[in-house]
Amino acid sequence: MIIKSSSSLCKDYDSFSELAHNTNEPIYITKGGEGDLVLLSIDAYEKRENIIREKILSELSVSE
């Protein structure tokens, strides 16, 4: 799990972008020490969405 502060995101966006693309893992952004956002590359987001969509469709076809 990758956790970073919102202030570091503002200061160093390029390294966040590179980290997101290189790891394909969510980056948890904190604000005031509390969880606030999750950052993903577009590719990682689309892969996760496709997996979820396929799983739902598979479960729907089994239940029919």
PDB file of N, CA and C in Angstrom:
ATOM      1  N   MET A   1       0.855  -1.171   0.000  1.00  0.00           N
ATOM      2  CA  MET A   1       0.000   0.000   0.000  1.00  0.00           C
ATOM      3  C   MET A   1       0.902   1.236   0.000  1.00  0.00           C
ATOM      4  N   ILE A   2       0.600   2.150  -0.892  1.00  0.00           N
ATOM      5  CA  ILE A   2       1.359   3.390  -1.010  1.00  0.00           C
ATOM      6  C   ILE A   2       0.521   4.518  -0.420  1.00  0.00           C
ATOM      7  N   ILE A   3       1.086   5.226   0.561  1.00  0.00           N
ATOM      8  CA  ILE A   3       0.371   6.324   1.209  1.00  0.00           C
ATOM      9  C   ILE A   3       1.216   7.589   1.096  1.00  0.00           C
ATOM     10  N   LYS A   4       0.600   8.659   0.618  1.00  0.00           N
ATOM     11  CA  LYS A   4       1.282   9.946   0.454  1.00  0.00           C
ATOM     12  C   LYS A   4       0.372  11.062   0.950  1.00  0.00           C
ATOM     13  N   SER A   5       0.960  12.188   1.314  1.00  0.00           N
ATOM     14  CA  SER A   5       0.168  13.326   1.775  1.00  0.00           C
ATOM     15  C   SER A   5      -0.275  14.184   0.593  1.00  0.00           C
ATOM     16  N   SER A   6      -1.374  14.904   0.787  1.00  0.00           N
ATOM     17  CA  SER A   6      -1.875  15.775  -0.278  1.00  0.00           C
ATOM     18  C   SER A   6      -0.884  16.895  -0.576  1.00  0.00           C
ATOM     19  N   SER A   7      -0.166  17.358   0.438  1.00  0.00           N
ATOM     20  CA  SER A   7       0.801  18.433   0.192  1.00  0.00           C
ATOM     21  C   SER A   7       1.942  17.955  -0.696  1.00  0.00           C
ATOM     22  N   SER A   8       2.346  16.690  -0.560  1.00  0.00           N
ATOM     23  CA  SER A   8       3.407  16.193  -1.434  1.00  0.00           C
ATOM     24  C   SER A   8       2.898  16.006  -2.861  1.00  0.00           C
ATOM     25  N   LEU A   9       1.613  15.716  -3.022  1.00  0.00           N
ATOM     26  CA  LEU A   9       1.033  15.609  -4.362  1.00  0.00           C
ATOM     27  C   LEU A   9       1.109  16.951  -5.073  1.00  0.00           C
ATOM     28  N   CYS A  10       0.776  18.009  -4.378  1.00  0.00           N
ATOM     29  CA  CYS A  10       0.819  19.348  -4.968  1.00  0.00           C
ATOM     30  C   CYS A  10       2.238  19.749  -5.357  1.00  0.00           C
ATOM     31  N   LYS A  11       3.188  19.365  -4.543  1.00  0.00           N
ATOM     32  CA  LYS A  11       4.568  19.763  -4.772  1.00  0.00           C
ATOM     33  C   LYS A  11       5.276  18.943  -5.842  1.00  0.00           C
ATOM     34  N   ASP A  12       4.865  17.668  -6.012  1.00  0.00           N
ATOM     35  CA  ASP A  12       5.620  16.777  -6.891  1.00  0.00           C
ATOM     36  C   ASP A  12       4.706  15.866  -7.701  1.00  0.00           C
ATOM     37  N   TYR A  13       3.819  16.465  -8.469  1.00  0.00           N
ATOM     38  CA  TYR A  13       2.848  15.711  -9.256  1.00  0.00           C
ATOM     39  C   TYR A  13       3.513  14.700 -10.181  1.00  0.00           C
ATOM     40  N   ASP A  14       4.608  15.106 -10.833  1.00  0.00           N
ATOM     41  CA  ASP A  14       5.259  14.218 -11.807  1.00  0.00           C
ATOM     42  C   ASP A  14       5.701  12.899 -11.179  1.00  0.00           C
ATOM     43  N   SER A  15       6.217  12.931  -9.960  1.00  0.00           N
ATOM     44  CA  SER A  15       6.647  11.676  -9.330  1.00  0.00           C
ATOM     45  C   SER A  15       5.444  10.810  -8.962  1.00  0.00           C
ATOM     46  N   PHE A  16       4.324  11.431  -8.602  1.00  0.00           N
ATOM     47  CA  PHE A  16       3.102  10.670  -8.333  1.00  0.00           C
ATOM     48  C   PHE A  16       2.609   9.985  -9.609  1.00  0.00           C
ATOM     49  N   SER A  17       2.612  10.721 -10.690  1.00  0.00           N
ATOM     50  CA  SER A  17       2.189  10.170 -11.969  1.00  0.00           C
ATOM     51  C   SER A  17       3.071   8.993 -12.366  1.00  0.00           C
ATOM     52  N   GLU A  18       4.361   9.170 -12.228  1.00  0.00           N
ATOM     53  CA  GLU A  18       5.300   8.092 -12.572  1.00  0.00           C
ATOM     54  C   GLU A  18       5.089   6.876 -11.667  1.00  0.00           C
ATOM     55  N   LEU A  19       4.918   7.099 -10.380  1.00  0.00           N
ATOM     56  CA  LEU A  19       4.683   6.016  -9.434  1.00  0.00           C
ATOM     57  C   LEU A  19       3.398   5.262  -9.778  1.00  0.00           C
ATOM     58  N   ALA A  20       2.339   5.992 -10.079  1.00  0.00           N
ATOM     59  CA  ALA A  20       1.058   5.364 -10.425  1.00  0.00           C
ATOM     60  C   ALA A  20       1.186   4.514 -11.684  1.00  0.00           C
ATOM     61  N   HIS A  21       1.892   5.020 -12.685  1.00  0.00           N
ATOM     62  CA  HIS A  21       2.064   4.270 -13.937  1.00  0.00           C
ATOM     63  C   HIS A  21       2.990   3.073 -13.777  1.00  0.00           C
ATOM     64  N   ASN A  22       4.013   3.217 -12.971  1.00  0.00           N
ATOM     65  CA  ASN A  22       4.986   2.132 -12.807  1.00  0.00           C
ATOM     66  C   ASN A  22       4.489   1.003 -11.921  1.00  0.00           C
ATOM     67  N   THR A  23       3.663   1.314 -10.942  1.00  0.00           N
ATOM     68  CA  THR A  23       3.221   0.280 -10.000  1.00  0.00           C
ATOM     69  C   THR A  23       1.862  -0.309 -10.349  1.00  0.00           C
ATOM     70  N   ASN A  24       1.031   0.440 -11.073  1.00  0.00           N
ATOM     71  CA  ASN A  24      -0.352   0.026 -11.353  1.00  0.00           C
ATOM     72  C   ASN A  24      -1.117  -0.304 -10.075  1.00  0.00           C
ATOM     73  N   GLU A  25      -0.730   0.334  -8.982  1.00  0.00           N
ATOM     74  CA  GLU A  25      -1.377   0.139  -7.689  1.00  0.00           C
ATOM     75  C   GLU A  25      -1.992   1.463  -7.241  1.00  0.00           C
ATOM     76  N   PRO A  26      -3.022   1.383  -6.403  1.00  0.00           N
ATOM     77  CA  PRO A  26      -3.606   2.620  -5.879  1.00  0.00           C
ATOM     78  C   PRO A  26      -2.626   3.352  -4.969  1.00  0.00           C
ATOM     79  N   ILE A  27      -2.651   4.661  -5.031  1.00  0.00           N
ATOM     80  CA  ILE A  27      -1.872   5.502  -4.126  1.00  0.00           C
ATOM     81  C   ILE A  27      -2.882   6.220  -3.243  1.00  0.00           C
ATOM     82  N   TYR A  28      -2.785   5.988  -1.952  1.00  0.00           N
ATOM     83  CA  TYR A  28      -3.712   6.576  -0.999  1.00  0.00           C
ATOM     84  C   TYR A  28      -3.192   7.952  -0.601  1.00  0.00           C
ATOM     85  N   ILE A  29      -4.026   8.972  -0.775  1.00  0.00           N
ATOM     86  CA  ILE A  29      -3.656  10.346  -0.475  1.00  0.00           C
ATOM     87  C   ILE A  29      -4.324  10.748   0.840  1.00  0.00           C
ATOM     88  N   THR A  30      -3.527  11.280   1.750  1.00  0.00           N
ATOM     89  CA  THR A  30      -4.061  11.726   3.029  1.00  0.00           C
ATOM     90  C   THR A  30      -4.117  13.244   3.079  1.00  0.00           C
ATOM     91  N   LYS A  31      -5.031  13.735   3.874  1.00  0.00           N
ATOM     92  CA  LYS A  31      -5.163  15.176   4.112  1.00  0.00           C
ATOM     93  C   LYS A  31      -5.363  15.360   5.604  1.00  0.00           C
ATOM     94  N   GLY A  32      -4.460  16.083   6.223  1.00  0.00           N
ATOM     95  CA  GLY A  32      -4.542  16.258   7.669  1.00  0.00           C
ATOM     96  C   GLY A  32      -4.381  14.946   8.419  1.00  0.00           C
ATOM     97  N   GLY A  33      -3.626  14.014   7.839  1.00  0.00           N
ATOM     98  CA  GLY A  33      -3.375  12.729   8.483  1.00  0.00           C
ATOM     99  C   GLY A  33      -4.478  11.703   8.313  1.00  0.00           C
ATOM    100  N   GLU A  34      -5.535  12.051   7.598  1.00  0.00           N
ATOM    101  CA  GLU A  34      -6.671  11.152   7.379  1.00  0.00           C
ATOM    102  C   GLU A  34      -6.771  10.793   5.903  1.00  0.00           C
ATOM    103  N   GLY A  35      -7.271   9.611   5.604  1.00  0.00           N
ATOM    104  CA  GLY A  35      -7.479   9.205   4.226  1.00  0.00           C
ATOM    105  C   GLY A  35      -8.424  10.162   3.520  1.00  0.00           C
ATOM    106  N   ASP A  36      -8.096  10.507   2.267  1.00  0.00           N
ATOM    107  CA  ASP A  36      -8.909  11.477   1.530  1.00  0.00           C
ATOM    108  C   ASP A  36      -9.227  10.998   0.120  1.00  0.00           C
ATOM    109  N   LEU A  37      -8.221  10.546  -0.626  1.00  0.00           N
ATOM    110  CA  LEU A  37      -8.400  10.162  -2.029  1.00  0.00           C
ATOM    111  C   LEU A  37      -7.586   8.922  -2.358  1.00  0.00           C
ATOM    112  N   VAL A  38      -7.921   8.305  -3.485  1.00  0.00           N
ATOM    113  CA  VAL A  38      -7.107   7.229  -4.037  1.00  0.00           C
ATOM    114  C   VAL A  38      -6.779   7.614  -5.465  1.00  0.00           C
ATOM    115  N   LEU A  39      -5.511   7.510  -5.820  1.00  0.00           N
ATOM    116  CA  LEU A  39      -5.030   7.883  -7.141  1.00  0.00           C
ATOM    117  C   LEU A  39      -4.622   6.624  -7.900  1.00  0.00           C
ATOM    118  N   LEU A  40      -5.113   6.490  -9.130  1.00  0.00           N
ATOM    119  CA  LEU A  40      -4.758   5.371 -10.007  1.00  0.00           C
ATOM    120  C   LEU A  40      -4.425   5.912 -11.383  1.00  0.00           C
ATOM    121  N   SER A  41      -3.548   5.213 -12.095  1.00  0.00           N
ATOM    122  CA  SER A  41      -3.356   5.556 -13.494  1.00  0.00           C
ATOM    123  C   SER A  41      -4.626   5.178 -14.255  1.00  0.00           C
ATOM    124  N   ILE A  42      -4.832   5.781 -15.393  1.00  0.00           N
ATOM    125  CA  ILE A  42      -6.015   5.455 -16.213  1.00  0.00           C
ATOM    126  C   ILE A  42      -6.002   3.973 -16.593  1.00  0.00           C
ATOM    127  N   ASP A  43      -4.833   3.453 -16.974  1.00  0.00           N
ATOM    128  CA  ASP A  43      -4.732   2.035 -17.351  1.00  0.00           C
ATOM    129  C   ASP A  43      -5.141   1.118 -16.203  1.00  0.00           C
ATOM    130  N   ALA A  44      -4.632   1.390 -15.001  1.00  0.00           N
ATOM    131  CA  ALA A  44      -4.968   0.565 -13.840  1.00  0.00           C
ATOM    132  C   ALA A  44      -6.462   0.662 -13.523  1.00  0.00           C
ATOM    133  N   TYR A  45      -7.015   1.863 -13.635  1.00  0.00           N
ATOM    134  CA  TYR A  45      -8.446   2.051 -13.376  1.00  0.00           C
ATOM    135  C   TYR A  45      -9.284   1.251 -14.372  1.00  0.00           C
ATOM    136  N   GLU A  46      -8.942   1.352 -15.652  1.00  0.00           N
ATOM    137  CA  GLU A  46      -9.713   0.643 -16.675  1.00  0.00           C
ATOM    138  C   GLU A  46      -9.603  -0.869 -16.517  1.00  0.00           C
ATOM    139  N   LYS A  47      -8.430  -1.371 -16.155  1.00  0.00           N
ATOM    140  CA  LYS A  47      -8.270  -2.816 -15.913  1.00  0.00           C
ATOM    141  C   LYS A  47      -9.150  -3.266 -14.761  1.00  0.00           C
ATOM    142  N   ARG A  48      -9.155  -2.493 -13.679  1.00  0.00           N
ATOM    143  CA  ARG A  48      -9.990  -2.843 -12.529  1.00  0.00           C
ATOM    144  C   ARG A  48     -11.479  -2.806 -12.888  1.00  0.00           C
ATOM    145  N   GLU A  49     -11.875  -1.796 -13.645  1.00  0.00           N
ATOM    146  CA  GLU A  49     -13.274  -1.694 -14.061  1.00  0.00           C
ATOM    147  C   GLU A  49     -13.673  -2.889 -14.928  1.00  0.00           C
ATOM    148  N   ASN A  50     -12.806  -3.294 -15.841  1.00  0.00           N
ATOM    149  CA  ASN A  50     -13.101  -4.448 -16.703  1.00  0.00           C
ATOM    150  C   ASN A  50     -13.210  -5.732 -15.897  1.00  0.00           C
ATOM    151  N   ILE A  51     -12.338  -5.911 -14.917  1.00  0.00           N
ATOM    152  CA  ILE A  51     -12.406  -7.100 -14.067  1.00  0.00           C
ATOM    153  C   ILE A  51     -13.724  -7.132 -13.308  1.00  0.00           C
ATOM    154  N   ILE A  52     -14.113  -6.007 -12.738  1.00  0.00           N
ATOM    155  CA  ILE A  52     -15.374  -5.930 -11.995  1.00  0.00           C
ATOM    156  C   ILE A  52     -16.559  -6.201 -12.922  1.00  0.00           C
ATOM    157  N   ARG A  53     -16.537  -5.573 -14.098  1.00  0.00           N
ATOM    158  CA  ARG A  53     -17.630  -5.756 -15.058  1.00  0.00           C
ATOM    159  C   ARG A  53     -17.753  -7.225 -15.464  1.00  0.00           C
ATOM    160  N   GLU A  54     -16.619  -7.868 -15.778  1.00  0.00           N
ATOM    161  CA  GLU A  54     -16.636  -9.278 -16.176  1.00  0.00           C
ATOM    162  C   GLU A  54     -17.138 -10.169 -15.049  1.00  0.00           C
ATOM    163  N   LYS A  55     -16.736  -9.866 -13.819  1.00  0.00           N
ATOM    164  CA  LYS A  55     -17.182 -10.659 -12.679  1.00  0.00           C
ATOM    165  C   LYS A  55     -18.691 -10.532 -12.487  1.00  0.00           C
ATOM    166  N   ILE A  56     -19.205  -9.326 -12.593  1.00  0.00           N
ATOM    167  CA  ILE A  56     -20.649  -9.113 -12.448  1.00  0.00           C
ATOM    168  C   ILE A  56     -21.410  -9.838 -13.547  1.00  0.00           C
ATOM    169  N   LEU A  57     -20.944  -9.703 -14.777  1.00  0.00           N
ATOM    170  CA  LEU A  57     -21.616 -10.382 -15.887  1.00  0.00           C
ATOM    171  C   LEU A  57     -21.568 -11.898 -15.726  1.00  0.00           C
ATOM    172  N   SER A  58     -20.452 -12.402 -15.261  1.00  0.00           N
ATOM    173  CA  SER A  58     -20.315 -13.844 -15.018  1.00  0.00           C
ATOM    174  C   SER A  58     -21.288 -14.311 -13.937  1.00  0.00           C
ATOM    175  N   GLU A  59     -21.388 -13.550 -12.864  1.00  0.00           N
ATOM    176  CA  GLU A  59     -22.303 -13.912 -11.777  1.00  0.00           C
ATOM    177  C   GLU A  59     -23.755 -13.823 -12.223  1.00  0.00           C
ATOM    178  N   LEU A  60     -24.076 -12.849 -13.071  1.00  0.00           N
ATOM    179  CA  LEU A  60     -25.443 -12.736 -13.566  1.00  0.00           C
ATOM    180  C   LEU A  60     -25.804 -13.909 -14.472  1.00  0.00           C
ATOM    181  N   SER A  61     -24.865 -14.344 -15.295  1.00  0.00           N
ATOM    182  CA  SER A  61     -25.159 -15.457 -16.196  1.00  0.00           C
ATOM    183  C   SER A  61     -25.280 -16.779 -15.427  1.00  0.00           C
ATOM    184  N   VAL A  62     -24.571 -16.928 -14.321  1.00  0.00           N
ATOM    185  CA  VAL A  62     -24.660 -18.137 -13.496  1.00  0.00           C
ATOM    186  C   VAL A  62     -25.994 -18.182 -12.784  1.00  0.00           C
ATOM    187  N   SER A  63     -26.487 -17.022 -12.344  1.00  0.00           N
ATOM    188  CA  SER A  63     -27.735 -16.989 -11.580  1.00  0.00           C
ATOM    189  C   SER A  63     -28.971 -17.158 -12.462  1.00  0.00           C
ATOM    190  N   GLU A  64     -28.796 -17.035 -13.754  1.00  0.00           N
ATOM    191  CA  GLU A  64     -29.962 -17.173 -14.661  1.00  0.00           C
ATOM    192  C   GLU A  64     -30.251 -18.578 -14.943  1.00  0.00           C
TER     193      GLU A  64
END
